[in-house]
N, C-alpha and C. Protein backbone atom coordinates (compact mmCIF):
# COMPACT_ATOMS: atom_id res chain seq x y z
N MET A 1 -41.08 -7.37 -15.09
CA MET A 1 -39.95 -7.13 -15.95
C MET A 1 -39.97 -5.66 -16.38
N THR A 2 -38.83 -5.02 -16.32
CA THR A 2 -38.71 -3.62 -16.72
C THR A 2 -38.38 -3.54 -18.19
N GLN A 3 -39.09 -2.69 -18.90
CA GLN A 3 -38.79 -2.47 -20.31
C GLN A 3 -38.02 -1.17 -20.45
N HIS A 4 -37.03 -1.19 -21.32
CA HIS A 4 -36.24 0.01 -21.57
C HIS A 4 -36.50 0.47 -22.99
N THR A 5 -36.54 1.75 -23.16
CA THR A 5 -36.70 2.31 -24.50
C THR A 5 -35.38 2.91 -24.95
N ASP A 6 -35.27 3.11 -26.24
CA ASP A 6 -34.06 3.75 -26.77
C ASP A 6 -33.99 5.18 -26.25
N VAL A 7 -32.80 5.64 -26.03
CA VAL A 7 -32.57 7.00 -25.56
C VAL A 7 -32.20 7.85 -26.76
N VAL A 8 -32.84 8.99 -26.87
CA VAL A 8 -32.52 9.94 -27.92
C VAL A 8 -31.96 11.18 -27.25
N VAL A 9 -30.75 11.56 -27.64
CA VAL A 9 -30.10 12.72 -27.05
C VAL A 9 -30.13 13.86 -28.06
N VAL A 10 -30.52 15.03 -27.59
CA VAL A 10 -30.60 16.20 -28.46
C VAL A 10 -29.85 17.35 -27.79
N GLY A 11 -29.07 18.08 -28.56
CA GLY A 11 -28.45 19.29 -28.05
C GLY A 11 -27.28 19.09 -27.11
N VAL A 12 -26.42 18.13 -27.39
CA VAL A 12 -25.25 17.89 -26.56
C VAL A 12 -24.01 18.44 -27.25
N THR A 13 -23.16 19.13 -26.50
CA THR A 13 -21.86 19.56 -27.02
C THR A 13 -20.80 18.65 -26.43
N TRP A 14 -20.04 18.02 -27.29
CA TRP A 14 -19.02 17.06 -26.88
C TRP A 14 -17.66 17.73 -27.04
N VAL A 15 -17.01 18.08 -25.93
CA VAL A 15 -15.72 18.76 -25.98
C VAL A 15 -14.63 17.74 -25.65
N THR A 16 -13.64 17.64 -26.54
CA THR A 16 -12.55 16.69 -26.36
C THR A 16 -11.20 17.38 -26.53
N GLN A 17 -10.17 16.81 -25.93
CA GLN A 17 -8.81 17.34 -26.06
C GLN A 17 -8.25 17.08 -27.46
N ARG A 18 -8.71 16.01 -28.09
CA ARG A 18 -8.27 15.65 -29.44
C ARG A 18 -9.44 14.96 -30.14
N PRO A 19 -9.39 14.87 -31.45
CA PRO A 19 -10.50 14.20 -32.15
C PRO A 19 -10.67 12.76 -31.64
N PRO A 20 -11.91 12.32 -31.48
CA PRO A 20 -12.15 10.96 -30.99
C PRO A 20 -11.70 9.93 -32.01
N GLN A 21 -11.30 8.78 -31.51
CA GLN A 21 -10.93 7.67 -32.36
C GLN A 21 -11.91 6.54 -32.10
N PHE A 22 -12.75 6.26 -33.07
CA PHE A 22 -13.72 5.18 -32.93
C PHE A 22 -13.06 3.85 -33.29
N LEU A 23 -13.39 2.82 -32.54
CA LEU A 23 -12.95 1.48 -32.90
C LEU A 23 -13.67 1.07 -34.18
N ALA A 24 -13.12 0.10 -34.88
CA ALA A 24 -13.80 -0.44 -36.05
C ALA A 24 -15.15 -1.01 -35.63
N ASP A 25 -16.12 -0.95 -36.51
CA ASP A 25 -17.48 -1.39 -36.17
C ASP A 25 -17.53 -2.86 -35.73
N ASP A 26 -16.60 -3.68 -36.22
CA ASP A 26 -16.65 -5.11 -35.89
C ASP A 26 -15.89 -5.46 -34.60
N ILE A 27 -15.33 -4.47 -33.93
CA ILE A 27 -14.63 -4.73 -32.67
C ILE A 27 -15.64 -4.67 -31.53
N ASP A 28 -15.80 -5.81 -30.84
CA ASP A 28 -16.75 -5.85 -29.73
C ASP A 28 -16.01 -6.24 -28.45
N GLY A 29 -16.75 -6.48 -27.41
CA GLY A 29 -16.14 -6.81 -26.13
C GLY A 29 -15.27 -8.04 -26.18
N ARG A 30 -15.68 -9.04 -26.95
CA ARG A 30 -14.89 -10.28 -27.04
C ARG A 30 -13.54 -9.99 -27.68
N ALA A 31 -13.55 -9.23 -28.76
CA ALA A 31 -12.30 -8.89 -29.45
C ALA A 31 -11.38 -8.09 -28.53
N LEU A 32 -11.94 -7.15 -27.77
CA LEU A 32 -11.14 -6.36 -26.84
C LEU A 32 -10.51 -7.24 -25.75
N PHE A 33 -11.28 -8.19 -25.25
CA PHE A 33 -10.78 -9.11 -24.24
C PHE A 33 -9.64 -9.95 -24.80
N ASP A 34 -9.80 -10.46 -26.03
CA ASP A 34 -8.75 -11.27 -26.65
C ASP A 34 -7.46 -10.48 -26.82
N VAL A 35 -7.56 -9.24 -27.27
CA VAL A 35 -6.37 -8.41 -27.46
C VAL A 35 -5.71 -8.10 -26.12
N ALA A 36 -6.51 -7.78 -25.12
CA ALA A 36 -5.95 -7.49 -23.79
C ALA A 36 -5.26 -8.72 -23.20
N THR A 37 -5.84 -9.89 -23.42
CA THR A 37 -5.24 -11.13 -22.93
C THR A 37 -3.91 -11.40 -23.63
N THR A 38 -3.87 -11.22 -24.94
CA THR A 38 -2.63 -11.41 -25.70
C THR A 38 -1.55 -10.45 -25.21
N ARG A 39 -1.93 -9.19 -24.97
CA ARG A 39 -0.98 -8.19 -24.47
C ARG A 39 -0.43 -8.61 -23.11
N ARG A 40 -1.32 -9.02 -22.21
CA ARG A 40 -0.89 -9.42 -20.87
C ARG A 40 0.08 -10.60 -20.94
N ARG A 41 -0.22 -11.57 -21.79
CA ARG A 41 0.67 -12.73 -21.92
C ARG A 41 2.03 -12.33 -22.48
N ALA A 42 2.04 -11.40 -23.44
CA ALA A 42 3.30 -10.92 -24.02
C ALA A 42 4.13 -10.21 -22.96
N LEU A 43 3.50 -9.35 -22.18
CA LEU A 43 4.22 -8.64 -21.12
C LEU A 43 4.76 -9.62 -20.07
N ASP A 44 3.95 -10.60 -19.71
CA ASP A 44 4.38 -11.60 -18.73
C ASP A 44 5.57 -12.40 -19.23
N ALA A 45 5.67 -12.57 -20.55
CA ALA A 45 6.77 -13.32 -21.15
C ALA A 45 7.98 -12.43 -21.44
N GLY A 46 7.89 -11.13 -21.10
CA GLY A 46 9.00 -10.22 -21.31
C GLY A 46 9.08 -9.65 -22.71
N ARG A 47 8.03 -9.81 -23.50
CA ARG A 47 8.04 -9.25 -24.85
C ARG A 47 7.59 -7.80 -24.84
N THR A 48 7.75 -7.13 -25.96
CA THR A 48 7.44 -5.71 -26.11
C THR A 48 5.95 -5.45 -25.93
N ASP A 49 5.64 -4.31 -25.33
CA ASP A 49 4.25 -3.88 -25.15
C ASP A 49 3.64 -3.54 -26.50
N THR A 50 2.53 -4.18 -26.82
CA THR A 50 1.84 -3.95 -28.10
C THR A 50 0.79 -2.85 -27.99
N ARG A 51 0.65 -2.24 -26.83
CA ARG A 51 -0.36 -1.23 -26.50
C ARG A 51 -1.75 -1.85 -26.37
N GLY A 52 -1.91 -3.10 -26.69
CA GLY A 52 -3.19 -3.77 -26.51
C GLY A 52 -4.33 -3.05 -27.19
N VAL A 53 -5.43 -2.92 -26.49
CA VAL A 53 -6.62 -2.30 -27.07
C VAL A 53 -6.43 -0.83 -27.35
N ALA A 54 -5.46 -0.19 -26.70
CA ALA A 54 -5.21 1.23 -26.94
C ALA A 54 -4.77 1.49 -28.38
N SER A 55 -4.25 0.47 -29.05
CA SER A 55 -3.83 0.65 -30.44
C SER A 55 -5.02 0.70 -31.39
N PHE A 56 -6.19 0.29 -30.93
CA PHE A 56 -7.39 0.28 -31.77
C PHE A 56 -8.06 1.64 -31.87
N GLY A 57 -8.16 2.33 -30.78
CA GLY A 57 -8.91 3.57 -30.71
C GLY A 57 -9.49 3.71 -29.32
N ASP A 58 -10.43 4.61 -29.17
CA ASP A 58 -10.93 4.93 -27.84
C ASP A 58 -12.38 4.53 -27.59
N ILE A 59 -13.20 4.57 -28.61
CA ILE A 59 -14.64 4.49 -28.39
C ILE A 59 -15.20 3.25 -29.06
N VAL A 60 -15.84 2.40 -28.26
CA VAL A 60 -16.50 1.21 -28.80
C VAL A 60 -17.77 1.65 -29.51
N VAL A 61 -17.95 1.17 -30.72
CA VAL A 61 -19.08 1.60 -31.54
C VAL A 61 -20.27 0.67 -31.30
N VAL A 62 -20.93 0.88 -30.16
CA VAL A 62 -22.18 0.17 -29.86
C VAL A 62 -23.28 0.81 -30.71
N PRO A 63 -24.42 0.16 -30.87
CA PRO A 63 -25.46 0.68 -31.77
C PRO A 63 -25.82 2.16 -31.59
N PRO A 64 -26.02 2.68 -30.36
CA PRO A 64 -26.34 4.11 -30.26
C PRO A 64 -25.19 5.02 -30.73
N VAL A 65 -23.95 4.61 -30.47
CA VAL A 65 -22.80 5.40 -30.93
C VAL A 65 -22.73 5.36 -32.45
N ARG A 66 -22.94 4.18 -33.04
CA ARG A 66 -22.93 4.05 -34.50
C ARG A 66 -23.99 4.96 -35.12
N ALA A 67 -25.19 4.95 -34.55
CA ALA A 67 -26.27 5.79 -35.09
C ALA A 67 -25.90 7.27 -35.02
N ALA A 68 -25.34 7.70 -33.89
CA ALA A 68 -24.95 9.11 -33.74
C ALA A 68 -23.82 9.46 -34.70
N ARG A 69 -22.85 8.59 -34.81
CA ARG A 69 -21.72 8.84 -35.72
C ARG A 69 -22.19 8.91 -37.17
N ASP A 70 -23.01 7.93 -37.56
CA ASP A 70 -23.47 7.87 -38.95
C ASP A 70 -24.38 9.04 -39.32
N ALA A 71 -25.07 9.60 -38.33
CA ALA A 71 -25.95 10.75 -38.57
C ALA A 71 -25.21 12.07 -38.35
N ALA A 72 -23.88 11.99 -38.17
CA ALA A 72 -23.04 13.18 -37.94
C ALA A 72 -23.46 13.94 -36.69
N ARG A 73 -23.93 13.22 -35.67
CA ARG A 73 -24.28 13.84 -34.39
C ARG A 73 -23.19 13.62 -33.34
N ALA A 74 -22.16 12.84 -33.68
CA ALA A 74 -21.06 12.57 -32.75
C ALA A 74 -19.83 13.33 -33.22
N ILE A 75 -19.93 14.64 -33.19
CA ILE A 75 -18.84 15.50 -33.64
C ILE A 75 -18.27 16.23 -32.43
N ALA A 76 -16.98 16.06 -32.21
CA ALA A 76 -16.34 16.68 -31.05
C ALA A 76 -15.89 18.10 -31.37
N GLN A 77 -15.95 18.94 -30.35
CA GLN A 77 -15.45 20.31 -30.45
C GLN A 77 -14.18 20.41 -29.62
N LEU A 78 -13.13 20.97 -30.19
CA LEU A 78 -11.91 21.17 -29.43
C LEU A 78 -12.11 22.36 -28.48
N PRO A 79 -11.46 22.32 -27.30
CA PRO A 79 -11.64 23.42 -26.33
C PRO A 79 -11.11 24.75 -26.85
């Protein structure tokens, strides 16, 4: 069995076109799947596009992302 250790990143510059939008901490893969399914069903029924998961934000806040964000290490620089 392979053991994995936590990855620590130091000295990264994150350049983005616009400020990042983090999803709410409680949004996980299941929630994203449910929203995407609801959107697909609405579109199939001819209803208006709700933007699905795109309305939430861009970045899923998994534990390493949360740690970087909370420690102010996930700060984007505009070009």
